[in-house]
Amino acid sequence: MEDVTSHVVVYYLIHAFKNECISKQLLLMLNI
């Protein structure tokens, strides 16, 4: 079960990082 939990955490962190990058790109586009 610990392995599954670690995979879920990594999966969540990767998606959170991608969403943050996308939001930053959208903000840059809006600023321009």
PDB file of N, CA and C in Angstrom:
ATOM      1  N   MET A   1       0.833  -1.208   0.000  1.00  0.00           N
ATOM      2  CA  MET A   1       0.000   0.000   0.000  1.00  0.00           C
ATOM      3  C   MET A   1       0.866   1.255   0.000  1.00  0.00           C
ATOM      4  N   GLU A   2       2.016   1.177   0.631  1.00  0.00           N
ATOM      5  CA  GLU A   2       2.894   2.345   0.673  1.00  0.00           C
ATOM      6  C   GLU A   2       3.340   2.741  -0.728  1.00  0.00           C
ATOM      7  N   ASP A   3       3.615   1.730  -1.573  1.00  0.00           N
ATOM      8  CA  ASP A   3       4.036   2.021  -2.949  1.00  0.00           C
ATOM      9  C   ASP A   3       2.924   2.760  -3.683  1.00  0.00           C
ATOM     10  N   VAL A   4       1.691   2.310  -3.489  1.00  0.00           N
ATOM     11  CA  VAL A   4       0.553   2.963  -4.155  1.00  0.00           C
ATOM     12  C   VAL A   4       0.444   4.408  -3.689  1.00  0.00           C
ATOM     13  N   THR A   5       0.588   4.635  -2.401  1.00  0.00           N
ATOM     14  CA  THR A   5       0.492   6.002  -1.859  1.00  0.00           C
ATOM     15  C   THR A   5       1.566   6.891  -2.455  1.00  0.00           C
ATOM     16  N   SER A   6       2.781   6.382  -2.551  1.00  0.00           N
ATOM     17  CA  SER A   6       3.880   7.187  -3.100  1.00  0.00           C
ATOM     18  C   SER A   6       3.594   7.520  -4.560  1.00  0.00           C
ATOM     19  N   HIS A   7       3.040   6.567  -5.312  1.00  0.00           N
ATOM     20  CA  HIS A   7       2.731   6.827  -6.731  1.00  0.00           C
ATOM     21  C   HIS A   7       1.661   7.907  -6.846  1.00  0.00           C
ATOM     22  N   VAL A   8       0.665   7.851  -5.972  1.00  0.00           N
ATOM     23  CA  VAL A   8      -0.416   8.849  -5.997  1.00  0.00           C
ATOM     24  C   VAL A   8       0.153  10.233  -5.691  1.00  0.00           C
ATOM     25  N   VAL A   9       1.056  10.310  -4.717  1.00  0.00           N
ATOM     26  CA  VAL A   9       1.653  11.597  -4.350  1.00  0.00           C
ATOM     27  C   VAL A   9       2.446  12.158  -5.521  1.00  0.00           C
ATOM     28  N   VAL A  10       3.258  11.324  -6.159  1.00  0.00           N
ATOM     29  CA  VAL A  10       4.054  11.771  -7.306  1.00  0.00           C
ATOM     30  C   VAL A  10       3.128  12.222  -8.432  1.00  0.00           C
ATOM     31  N   TYR A  11       2.081  11.445  -8.679  1.00  0.00           N
ATOM     32  CA  TYR A  11       1.112  11.773  -9.741  1.00  0.00           C
ATOM     33  C   TYR A  11       0.484  13.136  -9.464  1.00  0.00           C
ATOM     34  N   TYR A  12       0.113  13.375  -8.200  1.00  0.00           N
ATOM     35  CA  TYR A  12      -0.513  14.648  -7.826  1.00  0.00           C
ATOM     36  C   TYR A  12       0.472  15.802  -7.987  1.00  0.00           C
ATOM     37  N   LEU A  13       1.721  15.603  -7.558  1.00  0.00           N
ATOM     38  CA  LEU A  13       2.728  16.663  -7.660  1.00  0.00           C
ATOM     39  C   LEU A  13       2.989  17.019  -9.120  1.00  0.00           C
ATOM     40  N   ILE A  14       3.061  16.009  -9.991  1.00  0.00           N
ATOM     41  CA  ILE A  14       3.320  16.262 -11.417  1.00  0.00           C
ATOM     42  C   ILE A  14       2.174  17.079 -12.008  1.00  0.00           C
ATOM     43  N   HIS A  15       0.933  16.709 -11.695  1.00  0.00           N
ATOM     44  CA  HIS A  15      -0.212  17.444 -12.241  1.00  0.00           C
ATOM     45  C   HIS A  15      -0.259  18.854 -11.674  1.00  0.00           C
ATOM     46  N   ALA A  16       0.069  19.005 -10.393  1.00  0.00           N
ATOM     47  CA  ALA A  16       0.061  20.331  -9.778  1.00  0.00           C
ATOM     48  C   ALA A  16       1.114  21.211 -10.455  1.00  0.00           C
ATOM     49  N   PHE A  17       2.297  20.631 -10.752  1.00  0.00           N
ATOM     50  CA  PHE A  17       3.367  21.380 -11.419  1.00  0.00           C
ATOM     51  C   PHE A  17       2.927  21.793 -12.822  1.00  0.00           C
ATOM     52  N   LYS A  18       2.308  20.863 -13.558  1.00  0.00           N
ATOM     53  CA  LYS A  18       1.845  21.172 -14.923  1.00  0.00           C
ATOM     54  C   LYS A  18       0.789  22.274 -14.886  1.00  0.00           C
ATOM     55  N   ASN A  19      -0.155  22.165 -13.949  1.00  0.00           N
ATOM     56  CA  ASN A  19      -1.219  23.172 -13.852  1.00  0.00           C
ATOM     57  C   ASN A  19      -0.625  24.533 -13.521  1.00  0.00           C
ATOM     58  N   GLU A  20       0.402  24.558 -12.670  1.00  0.00           N
ATOM     59  CA  GLU A  20       1.038  25.824 -12.302  1.00  0.00           C
ATOM     60  C   GLU A  20       1.727  26.432 -13.516  1.00  0.00           C
ATOM     61  N   CYS A  21       2.409  25.601 -14.302  1.00  0.00           N
ATOM     62  CA  CYS A  21       3.101  26.094 -15.504  1.00  0.00           C
ATOM     63  C   CYS A  21       2.077  26.640 -16.498  1.00  0.00           C
ATOM     64  N   ILE A  22       0.977  25.935 -16.673  1.00  0.00           N
ATOM     65  CA  ILE A  22      -0.059  26.380 -17.620  1.00  0.00           C
ATOM     66  C   ILE A  22      -0.653  27.703 -17.149  1.00  0.00           C
ATOM     67  N   SER A  23      -0.924  27.821 -15.844  1.00  0.00           N
ATOM     68  CA  SER A  23      -1.519  29.054 -15.327  1.00  0.00           C
ATOM     69  C   SER A  23      -0.544  30.212 -15.509  1.00  0.00           C
ATOM     70  N   LYS A  24       0.751  29.953 -15.309  1.00  0.00           N
ATOM     71  CA  LYS A  24       1.754  31.015 -15.481  1.00  0.00           C
ATOM     72  C   LYS A  24       1.811  31.444 -16.945  1.00  0.00           C
ATOM     73  N   GLN A  25       1.738  30.497 -17.866  1.00  0.00           N
ATOM     74  CA  GLN A  25       1.767  30.831 -19.296  1.00  0.00           C
ATOM     75  C   GLN A  25       0.542  31.656 -19.656  1.00  0.00           C
ATOM     76  N   LEU A  26      -0.632  31.295 -19.111  1.00  0.00           N
ATOM     77  CA  LEU A  26      -1.854  32.050 -19.396  1.00  0.00           C
ATOM     78  C   LEU A  26      -1.718  33.473 -18.864  1.00  0.00           C
ATOM     79  N   LEU A  27      -1.140  33.626 -17.667  1.00  0.00           N
ATOM     80  CA  LEU A  27      -0.974  34.966 -17.096  1.00  0.00           C
ATOM     81  C   LEU A  27      -0.027  35.784 -17.963  1.00  0.00           C
ATOM     82  N   LEU A  28       1.046  35.166 -18.454  1.00  0.00           N
ATOM     83  CA  LEU A  28       1.993  35.891 -19.306  1.00  0.00           C
ATOM     84  C   LEU A  28       1.301  36.335 -20.593  1.00  0.00           C
ATOM     85  N   MET A  29       0.474  35.459 -21.164  1.00  0.00           N
ATOM     86  CA  MET A  29      -0.236  35.804 -22.396  1.00  0.00           C
ATOM     87  C   MET A  29      -1.207  36.957 -22.137  1.00  0.00           C
ATOM     88  N   LEU A  30      -1.875  36.923 -20.984  1.00  0.00           N
ATOM     89  CA  LEU A  30      -2.835  37.993 -20.668  1.00  0.00           C
ATOM     90  C   LEU A  30      -2.097  39.307 -20.435  1.00  0.00           C
ATOM     91  N   ASN A  31      -0.935  39.227 -19.802  1.00  0.00           N
ATOM     92  CA  ASN A  31      -0.169  40.448 -19.546  1.00  0.00           C
ATOM     93  C   ASN A  31       0.289  41.077 -20.853  1.00  0.00           C
ATOM     94  N   ILE A  32       0.602  40.223 -21.849  1.00  0.00           N
ATOM     95  CA  ILE A  32       1.035  40.752 -23.145  1.00  0.00           C
ATOM     96  C   ILE A  32      -0.193  41.274 -23.872  1.00  0.00           C
TER      97      ILE A  32
END
